[in-house]
Amino acid sequence: MSQLSESKRMEELVSSYHSSGQTQKDFAKAHVLTEGKLHYWIKKLSVPLEEEEPLPEFIPLDLSFPGRESKFIIILTADGMKIQIPV
């Protein structure tokens, strides 16, 4: 059985399990699965594919000193963000 068809089969079984009202042990036994495999797929399919994490917030700091030449380390991120760190 291909990995894709196994995933689809388990997705259908997990959906059936949720609506069955049975315990994991009873459902697994009735569908010739190990309880561990059923538990694994229930857990795997319950996690959203892409969890959105909040974006980090940056607070600008002014560390300049009057009369001193300002020097910076500049970091450019892959998404185009520019970070200047005074040195």
PDB file of N, CA and C in Angstrom:
ATOM      1  N   MET A   1       0.853  -1.174   0.000  1.00  0.00           N
ATOM      2  CA  MET A   1       0.000   0.000   0.000  1.00  0.00           C
ATOM      3  C   MET A   1       0.897   1.235   0.000  1.00  0.00           C
ATOM      4  N   SER A   2       0.599   2.182  -0.868  1.00  0.00           N
ATOM      5  CA  SER A   2       1.425   3.384  -0.940  1.00  0.00           C
ATOM      6  C   SER A   2       1.217   4.243   0.306  1.00  0.00           C
ATOM      7  N   GLN A   3       2.188   5.108   0.563  1.00  0.00           N
ATOM      8  CA  GLN A   3       2.126   5.969   1.745  1.00  0.00           C
ATOM      9  C   GLN A   3       0.904   6.891   1.679  1.00  0.00           C
ATOM     10  N   LEU A   4       0.591   7.372   0.476  1.00  0.00           N
ATOM     11  CA  LEU A   4      -0.555   8.267   0.310  1.00  0.00           C
ATOM     12  C   LEU A   4      -1.865   7.548   0.603  1.00  0.00           C
ATOM     13  N   SER A   5      -2.016   6.331   0.083  1.00  0.00           N
ATOM     14  CA  SER A   5      -3.265   5.611   0.322  1.00  0.00           C
ATOM     15  C   SER A   5      -3.370   5.174   1.786  1.00  0.00           C
ATOM     16  N   GLU A   6      -2.244   4.878   2.426  1.00  0.00           N
ATOM     17  CA  GLU A   6      -2.250   4.542   3.856  1.00  0.00           C
ATOM     18  C   GLU A   6      -2.686   5.763   4.668  1.00  0.00           C
ATOM     19  N   SER A   7      -2.187   6.933   4.308  1.00  0.00           N
ATOM     20  CA  SER A   7      -2.581   8.166   5.003  1.00  0.00           C
ATOM     21  C   SER A   7      -4.079   8.416   4.847  1.00  0.00           C
ATOM     22  N   LYS A   8      -4.569   8.240   3.639  1.00  0.00           N
ATOM     23  CA  LYS A   8      -5.995   8.459   3.364  1.00  0.00           C
ATOM     24  C   LYS A   8      -6.843   7.455   4.144  1.00  0.00           C
ATOM     25  N   ARG A   9      -6.418   6.207   4.161  1.00  0.00           N
ATOM     26  CA  ARG A   9      -7.150   5.161   4.887  1.00  0.00           C
ATOM     27  C   ARG A   9      -7.209   5.491   6.380  1.00  0.00           C
ATOM     28  N   MET A  10      -6.070   5.920   6.930  1.00  0.00           N
ATOM     29  CA  MET A  10      -6.028   6.231   8.352  1.00  0.00           C
ATOM     30  C   MET A  10      -6.841   7.488   8.667  1.00  0.00           C
ATOM     31  N   GLU A  11      -6.845   8.428   7.744  1.00  0.00           N
ATOM     32  CA  GLU A  11      -7.651   9.638   7.933  1.00  0.00           C
ATOM     33  C   GLU A  11      -9.130   9.262   8.030  1.00  0.00           C
ATOM     34  N   GLU A  12      -9.562   8.359   7.172  1.00  0.00           N
ATOM     35  CA  GLU A  12     -10.955   7.900   7.193  1.00  0.00           C
ATOM     36  C   GLU A  12     -11.258   7.119   8.472  1.00  0.00           C
ATOM     37  N   LEU A  13     -10.304   6.275   8.895  1.00  0.00           N
ATOM     38  CA  LEU A  13     -10.505   5.502  10.124  1.00  0.00           C
ATOM     39  C   LEU A  13     -10.569   6.412  11.348  1.00  0.00           C
ATOM     40  N   VAL A  14      -9.717   7.414  11.400  1.00  0.00           N
ATOM     41  CA  VAL A  14      -9.726   8.342  12.538  1.00  0.00           C
ATOM     42  C   VAL A  14     -11.046   9.106  12.576  1.00  0.00           C
ATOM     43  N   SER A  15     -11.529   9.496  11.424  1.00  0.00           N
ATOM     44  CA  SER A  15     -12.825  10.169  11.352  1.00  0.00           C
ATOM     45  C   SER A  15     -13.933   9.241  11.856  1.00  0.00           C
ATOM     46  N   SER A  16     -13.881   7.988  11.445  1.00  0.00           N
ATOM     47  CA  SER A  16     -14.866   6.997  11.907  1.00  0.00           C
ATOM     48  C   SER A  16     -14.757   6.785  13.410  1.00  0.00           C
ATOM     49  N   TYR A  17     -13.524   6.747  13.907  1.00  0.00           N
ATOM     50  CA  TYR A  17     -13.309   6.567  15.346  1.00  0.00           C
ATOM     51  C   TYR A  17     -13.978   7.694  16.135  1.00  0.00           C
ATOM     52  N   HIS A  18     -13.773   8.938  15.689  1.00  0.00           N
ATOM     53  CA  HIS A  18     -14.325  10.083  16.413  1.00  0.00           C
ATOM     54  C   HIS A  18     -15.852  10.030  16.492  1.00  0.00           C
ATOM     55  N   SER A  19     -16.485   9.509  15.476  1.00  0.00           N
ATOM     56  CA  SER A  19     -17.953   9.447  15.496  1.00  0.00           C
ATOM     57  C   SER A  19     -18.482   8.120  16.050  1.00  0.00           C
ATOM     58  N   SER A  20     -17.590   7.192  16.390  1.00  0.00           N
ATOM     59  CA  SER A  20     -18.022   5.861  16.827  1.00  0.00           C
ATOM     60  C   SER A  20     -18.468   5.797  18.284  1.00  0.00           C
ATOM     61  N   GLY A  21     -17.896   6.635  19.128  1.00  0.00           N
ATOM     62  CA  GLY A  21     -18.212   6.550  20.551  1.00  0.00           C
ATOM     63  C   GLY A  21     -17.473   5.431  21.261  1.00  0.00           C
ATOM     64  N   GLN A  22     -16.632   4.699  20.549  1.00  0.00           N
ATOM     65  CA  GLN A  22     -15.875   3.600  21.138  1.00  0.00           C
ATOM     66  C   GLN A  22     -14.574   4.106  21.761  1.00  0.00           C
ATOM     67  N   THR A  23     -14.013   3.276  22.626  1.00  0.00           N
ATOM     68  CA  THR A  23     -12.681   3.580  23.143  1.00  0.00           C
ATOM     69  C   THR A  23     -11.674   3.282  22.038  1.00  0.00           C
ATOM     70  N   GLN A  24     -10.473   3.836  22.178  1.00  0.00           N
ATOM     71  CA  GLN A  24      -9.433   3.555  21.183  1.00  0.00           C
ATOM     72  C   GLN A  24      -9.144   2.060  21.132  1.00  0.00           C
ATOM     73  N   LYS A  25      -9.126   1.437  22.286  1.00  0.00           N
ATOM     74  CA  LYS A  25      -8.830   0.003  22.354  1.00  0.00           C
ATOM     75  C   LYS A  25      -9.872  -0.811  21.586  1.00  0.00           C
ATOM     76  N   ASP A  26     -11.145  -0.534  21.825  1.00  0.00           N
ATOM     77  CA  ASP A  26     -12.216  -1.281  21.153  1.00  0.00           C
ATOM     78  C   ASP A  26     -12.243  -1.006  19.652  1.00  0.00           C
ATOM     79  N   PHE A  27     -12.074   0.258  19.277  1.00  0.00           N
ATOM     80  CA  PHE A  27     -12.094   0.615  17.863  1.00  0.00           C
ATOM     81  C   PHE A  27     -10.931  -0.047  17.129  1.00  0.00           C
ATOM     82  N   ALA A  28      -9.744   0.009  17.734  1.00  0.00           N
ATOM     83  CA  ALA A  28      -8.563  -0.591  17.105  1.00  0.00           C
ATOM     84  C   ALA A  28      -8.764  -2.092  16.910  1.00  0.00           C
ATOM     85  N   LYS A  29      -9.281  -2.750  17.918  1.00  0.00           N
ATOM     86  CA  LYS A  29      -9.508  -4.193  17.834  1.00  0.00           C
ATOM     87  C   LYS A  29     -10.510  -4.524  16.727  1.00  0.00           C
ATOM     88  N   ALA A  30     -11.578  -3.741  16.632  1.00  0.00           N
ATOM     89  CA  ALA A  30     -12.619  -3.980  15.628  1.00  0.00           C
ATOM     90  C   ALA A  30     -12.116  -3.745  14.207  1.00  0.00           C
ATOM     91  N   HIS A  31     -11.084  -2.914  14.047  1.00  0.00           N
ATOM     92  CA  HIS A  31     -10.568  -2.593  12.717  1.00  0.00           C
ATOM     93  C   HIS A  31      -9.175  -3.175  12.464  1.00  0.00           C
ATOM     94  N   VAL A  32      -8.807  -4.162  13.276  1.00  0.00           N
ATOM     95  CA  VAL A  32      -7.537  -4.884  13.136  1.00  0.00           C
ATOM     96  C   VAL A  32      -6.349  -3.904  13.063  1.00  0.00           C
ATOM     97  N   LEU A  33      -6.296  -3.014  14.047  1.00  0.00           N
ATOM     98  CA  LEU A  33      -5.185  -2.075  14.188  1.00  0.00           C
ATOM     99  C   LEU A  33      -4.590  -2.249  15.571  1.00  0.00           C
ATOM    100  N   THR A  34      -3.342  -1.862  15.711  1.00  0.00           N
ATOM    101  CA  THR A  34      -2.823  -1.806  17.069  1.00  0.00           C
ATOM    102  C   THR A  34      -3.334  -0.513  17.689  1.00  0.00           C
ATOM    103  N   GLU A  35      -3.501  -0.545  18.988  1.00  0.00           N
ATOM    104  CA  GLU A  35      -3.966   0.651  19.689  1.00  0.00           C
ATOM    105  C   GLU A  35      -2.957   1.796  19.523  1.00  0.00           C
ATOM    106  N   GLY A  36      -1.676   1.442  19.502  1.00  0.00           N
ATOM    107  CA  GLY A  36      -0.621   2.439  19.327  1.00  0.00           C
ATOM    108  C   GLY A  36      -0.692   3.136  17.978  1.00  0.00           C
ATOM    109  N   LYS A  37      -0.961   2.358  16.925  1.00  0.00           N
ATOM    110  CA  LYS A  37      -1.050   2.950  15.587  1.00  0.00           C
ATOM    111  C   LYS A  37      -2.241   3.895  15.504  1.00  0.00           C
ATOM    112  N   LEU A  38      -3.368   3.497  16.073  1.00  0.00           N
ATOM    113  CA  LEU A  38      -4.548   4.357  16.069  1.00  0.00           C
ATOM    114  C   LEU A  38      -4.256   5.646  16.837  1.00  0.00           C
ATOM    115  N   HIS A  39      -3.649   5.511  17.996  1.00  0.00           N
ATOM    116  CA  HIS A  39      -3.319   6.684  18.811  1.00  0.00           C
ATOM    117  C   HIS A  39      -2.379   7.626  18.051  1.00  0.00           C
ATOM    118  N   TYR A  40      -1.374   7.059  17.387  1.00  0.00           N
ATOM    119  CA  TYR A  40      -0.420   7.855  16.606  1.00  0.00           C
ATOM    120  C   TYR A  40      -1.149   8.687  15.552  1.00  0.00           C
ATOM    121  N   TRP A  41      -2.042   8.051  14.805  1.00  0.00           N
ATOM    122  CA  TRP A  41      -2.736   8.758  13.725  1.00  0.00           C
ATOM    123  C   TRP A  41      -3.747   9.775  14.254  1.00  0.00           C
ATOM    124  N   ILE A  42      -4.379   9.483  15.375  1.00  0.00           N
ATOM    125  CA  ILE A  42      -5.291  10.463  15.980  1.00  0.00           C
ATOM    126  C   ILE A  42      -4.497  11.712  16.341  1.00  0.00           C
ATOM    127  N   LYS A  43      -3.346  11.512  16.955  1.00  0.00           N
ATOM    128  CA  LYS A  43      -2.489  12.631  17.356  1.00  0.00           C
ATOM    129  C   LYS A  43      -1.964  13.374  16.132  1.00  0.00           C
ATOM    130  N   LYS A  44      -1.492  12.628  15.149  1.00  0.00           N
ATOM    131  CA  LYS A  44      -0.913  13.235  13.943  1.00  0.00           C
ATOM    132  C   LYS A  44      -1.937  14.082  13.195  1.00  0.00           C
ATOM    133  N   LEU A  45      -3.152  13.580  13.097  1.00  0.00           N
ATOM    134  CA  LEU A  45      -4.179  14.287  12.334  1.00  0.00           C
ATOM    135  C   LEU A  45      -4.865  15.394  13.128  1.00  0.00           C
ATOM    136  N   SER A  46      -4.609  15.466  14.427  1.00  0.00           N
ATOM    137  CA  SER A  46      -5.239  16.520  15.227  1.00  0.00           C
ATOM    138  C   SER A  46      -4.435  17.812  15.209  1.00  0.00           C
ATOM    139  N   VAL A  47      -3.180  17.763  14.771  1.00  0.00           N
ATOM    140  CA  VAL A  47      -2.335  18.951  14.718  1.00  0.00           C
ATOM    141  C   VAL A  47      -2.563  19.660  13.391  1.00  0.00           C
ATOM    142  N   PRO A  48      -2.903  20.954  13.428  1.00  0.00           N
ATOM    143  CA  PRO A  48      -3.068  21.688  12.168  1.00  0.00           C
ATOM    144  C   PRO A  48      -1.778  21.651  11.363  1.00  0.00           C
ATOM    145  N   LEU A  49      -1.901  21.611  10.033  1.00  0.00           N
ATOM    146  CA  LEU A  49      -0.722  21.520   9.181  1.00  0.00           C
ATOM    147  C   LEU A  49       0.194  22.723   9.326  1.00  0.00           C
ATOM    148  N   GLU A  50      -0.405  23.891   9.486  1.00  0.00           N
ATOM    149  CA  GLU A  50       0.418  25.087   9.597  1.00  0.00           C
ATOM    150  C   GLU A  50      -0.083  25.924  10.762  1.00  0.00           C
ATOM    151  N   GLU A  51       0.641  25.867  11.854  1.00  0.00           N
ATOM    152  CA  GLU A  51       0.258  26.663  13.008  1.00  0.00           C
ATOM    153  C   GLU A  51       0.798  28.070  12.836  1.00  0.00           C
ATOM    154  N   GLU A  52      -0.075  29.031  13.064  1.00  0.00           N
ATOM    155  CA  GLU A  52       0.355  30.414  12.946  1.00  0.00           C
ATOM    156  C   GLU A  52       0.886  30.884  14.281  1.00  0.00           C
ATOM    157  N   GLU A  53       2.130  31.317  14.297  1.00  0.00           N
ATOM    158  CA  GLU A  53       2.721  31.858  15.503  1.00  0.00           C
ATOM    159  C   GLU A  53       2.703  33.375  15.399  1.00  0.00           C
ATOM    160  N   PRO A  54       2.519  34.030  16.530  1.00  0.00           N
ATOM    161  CA  PRO A  54       2.520  35.492  16.467  1.00  0.00           C
ATOM    162  C   PRO A  54       3.895  36.010  16.044  1.00  0.00           C
ATOM    163  N   LEU A  55       3.873  37.093  15.287  1.00  0.00           N
ATOM    164  CA  LEU A  55       5.128  37.685  14.852  1.00  0.00           C
ATOM    165  C   LEU A  55       5.817  38.341  16.040  1.00  0.00           C
ATOM    166  N   PRO A  56       7.126  38.218  16.118  1.00  0.00           N
ATOM    167  CA  PRO A  56       7.833  38.863  17.230  1.00  0.00           C
ATOM    168  C   PRO A  56       7.752  40.381  17.089  1.00  0.00           C
ATOM    169  N   GLU A  57       7.699  41.048  18.209  1.00  0.00           N
ATOM    170  CA  GLU A  57       7.655  42.499  18.194  1.00  0.00           C
ATOM    171  C   GLU A  57       9.030  43.033  18.572  1.00  0.00           C
ATOM    172  N   PHE A  58       9.494  44.025  17.825  1.00  0.00           N
ATOM    173  CA  PHE A  58      10.768  44.659  18.107  1.00  0.00           C
ATOM    174  C   PHE A  58      10.503  46.049  18.669  1.00  0.00           C
ATOM    175  N   ILE A  59      11.258  46.419  19.664  1.00  0.00           N
ATOM    176  CA  ILE A  59      11.157  47.750  20.248  1.00  0.00           C
ATOM    177  C   ILE A  59      12.423  48.505  19.879  1.00  0.00           C
ATOM    178  N   PRO A  60      12.289  49.644  19.188  1.00  0.00           N
ATOM    179  CA  PRO A  60      13.491  50.392  18.818  1.00  0.00           C
ATOM    180  C   PRO A  60      14.160  50.986  20.061  1.00  0.00           C
ATOM    181  N   LEU A  61      15.467  50.883  20.123  1.00  0.00           N
ATOM    182  CA  LEU A  61      16.249  51.452  21.216  1.00  0.00           C
ATOM    183  C   LEU A  61      17.184  52.504  20.654  1.00  0.00           C
ATOM    184  N   ASP A  62      17.255  53.638  21.306  1.00  0.00           N
ATOM    185  CA  ASP A  62      18.185  54.684  20.887  1.00  0.00           C
ATOM    186  C   ASP A  62      19.397  54.631  21.806  1.00  0.00           C
ATOM    187  N   LEU A  63      20.494  54.116  21.296  1.00  0.00           N
ATOM    188  CA  LEU A  63      21.722  53.988  22.077  1.00  0.00           C
ATOM    189  C   LEU A  63      22.810  54.929  21.566  1.00  0.00           C
ATOM    190  N   SER A  64      22.399  56.013  20.939  1.00  0.00           N
ATOM    191  CA  SER A  64      23.394  56.943  20.404  1.00  0.00           C
ATOM    192  C   SER A  64      23.913  57.845  21.523  1.00  0.00           C
ATOM    193  N   PHE A  65      25.162  58.217  21.380  1.00  0.00           N
ATOM    194  CA  PHE A  65      25.804  59.102  22.343  1.00  0.00           C
ATOM    195  C   PHE A  65      26.246  60.358  21.603  1.00  0.00           C
ATOM    196  N   PRO A  66      25.904  61.541  22.133  1.00  0.00           N
ATOM    197  CA  PRO A  66      26.304  62.784  21.464  1.00  0.00           C
ATOM    198  C   PRO A  66      27.825  62.868  21.317  1.00  0.00           C
ATOM    199  N   GLY A  67      28.261  63.296  20.144  1.00  0.00           N
ATOM    200  CA  GLY A  67      29.687  63.471  19.904  1.00  0.00           C
ATOM    201  C   GLY A  67      30.414  62.217  19.453  1.00  0.00           C
ATOM    202  N   ARG A  68      29.750  61.077  19.404  1.00  0.00           N
ATOM    203  CA  ARG A  68      30.401  59.838  18.946  1.00  0.00           C
ATOM    204  C   ARG A  68      29.883  59.476  17.572  1.00  0.00           C
ATOM    205  N   GLU A  69      30.792  58.974  16.763  1.00  0.00           N
ATOM    206  CA  GLU A  69      30.396  58.506  15.433  1.00  0.00           C
ATOM    207  C   GLU A  69      29.557  57.238  15.598  1.00  0.00           C
ATOM    208  N   SER A  70      28.444  57.179  14.889  1.00  0.00           N
ATOM    209  CA  SER A  70      27.578  56.004  14.984  1.00  0.00           C
ATOM    210  C   SER A  70      28.068  54.913  14.040  1.00  0.00           C
ATOM    211  N   LYS A  71      28.218  53.713  14.571  1.00  0.00           N
ATOM    212  CA  LYS A  71      28.574  52.539  13.771  1.00  0.00           C
ATOM    213  C   LYS A  71      27.512  51.480  14.033  1.00  0.00           C
ATOM    214  N   PHE A  72      27.191  50.746  12.974  1.00  0.00           N
ATOM    215  CA  PHE A  72      26.137  49.745  13.087  1.00  0.00           C
ATOM    216  C   PHE A  72      26.563  48.424  12.459  1.00  0.00           C
ATOM    217  N   ILE A  73      26.010  47.366  12.993  1.00  0.00           N
ATOM    218  CA  ILE A  73      26.016  46.075  12.310  1.00  0.00           C
ATOM    219  C   ILE A  73      24.635  45.999  11.666  1.00  0.00           C
ATOM    220  N   ILE A  74      24.592  45.738  10.378  1.00  0.00           N
ATOM    221  CA  ILE A  74      23.316  45.671   9.673  1.00  0.00           C
ATOM    222  C   ILE A  74      23.072  44.225   9.248  1.00  0.00           C
ATOM    223  N   ILE A  75      21.919  43.722   9.611  1.00  0.00           N
ATOM    224  CA  ILE A  75      21.520  42.355   9.255  1.00  0.00           C
ATOM    225  C   ILE A  75      20.309  42.459   8.341  1.00  0.00           C
ATOM    226  N   LEU A  76      20.402  41.854   7.167  1.00  0.00           N
ATOM    227  CA  LEU A  76      19.268  41.793   6.243  1.00  0.00           C
ATOM    228  C   LEU A  76      18.723  40.371   6.260  1.00  0.00           C
ATOM    229  N   THR A  77      17.444  40.230   6.584  1.00  0.00           N
ATOM    230  CA  THR A  77      16.848  38.901   6.643  1.00  0.00           C
ATOM    231  C   THR A  77      16.340  38.486   5.267  1.00  0.00           C
ATOM    232  N   ALA A  78      16.027  37.218   5.124  1.00  0.00           N
ATOM    233  CA  ALA A  78      15.561  36.674   3.843  1.00  0.00           C
ATOM    234  C   ALA A  78      14.262  37.333   3.383  1.00  0.00           C
ATOM    235  N   ASP A  79      13.436  37.772   4.323  1.00  0.00           N
ATOM    236  CA  ASP A  79      12.170  38.399   3.928  1.00  0.00           C
ATOM    237  C   ASP A  79      12.278  39.912   3.759  1.00  0.00           C
ATOM    238  N   GLY A  80      13.508  40.432   3.751  1.00  0.00           N
ATOM    239  CA  GLY A  80      13.731  41.843   3.460  1.00  0.00           C
ATOM    240  C   GLY A  80      13.787  42.758   4.672  1.00  0.00           C
ATOM    241  N   MET A  81      13.685  42.214   5.868  1.00  0.00           N
ATOM    242  CA  MET A  81      13.753  43.038   7.065  1.00  0.00           C
ATOM    243  C   MET A  81      15.199  43.474   7.302  1.00  0.00           C
ATOM    244  N   LYS A  82      15.372  44.729   7.686  1.00  0.00           N
ATOM    245  CA  LYS A  82      16.701  45.274   7.955  1.00  0.00           C
ATOM    246  C   LYS A  82      16.812  45.511   9.459  1.00  0.00           C
ATOM    247  N   ILE A  83      17.837  44.926  10.069  1.00  0.00           N
ATOM    248  CA  ILE A  83      18.064  45.086  11.502  1.00  0.00           C
ATOM    249  C   ILE A  83      19.393  45.798  11.681  1.00  0.00           C
ATOM    250  N   GLN A  84      19.368  46.948  12.370  1.00  0.00           N
ATOM    251  CA  GLN A  84      20.588  47.703  12.641  1.00  0.00           C
ATOM    252  C   GLN A  84      20.910  47.574  14.118  1.00  0.00           C
ATOM    253  N   ILE A  85      22.140  47.166  14.403  1.00  0.00           N
ATOM    254  CA  ILE A  85      22.577  47.031  15.783  1.00  0.00           C
ATOM    255  C   ILE A  85      23.738  47.998  15.992  1.00  0.00           C
ATOM    256  N   PRO A  86      23.555  48.989  16.884  1.00  0.00           N
ATOM    257  CA  PRO A  86      24.653  49.920  17.130  1.00  0.00           C
ATOM    258  C   PRO A  86      25.795  49.218  17.862  1.00  0.00           C
ATOM    259  N   VAL A  87      27.016  49.571  17.469  1.00  0.00           N
ATOM    260  CA  VAL A  87      28.191  49.000  18.144  1.00  0.00           C
ATOM    261  C   VAL A  87      29.056  50.095  18.713  1.00  0.00           C
TER     262      VAL A  87
END
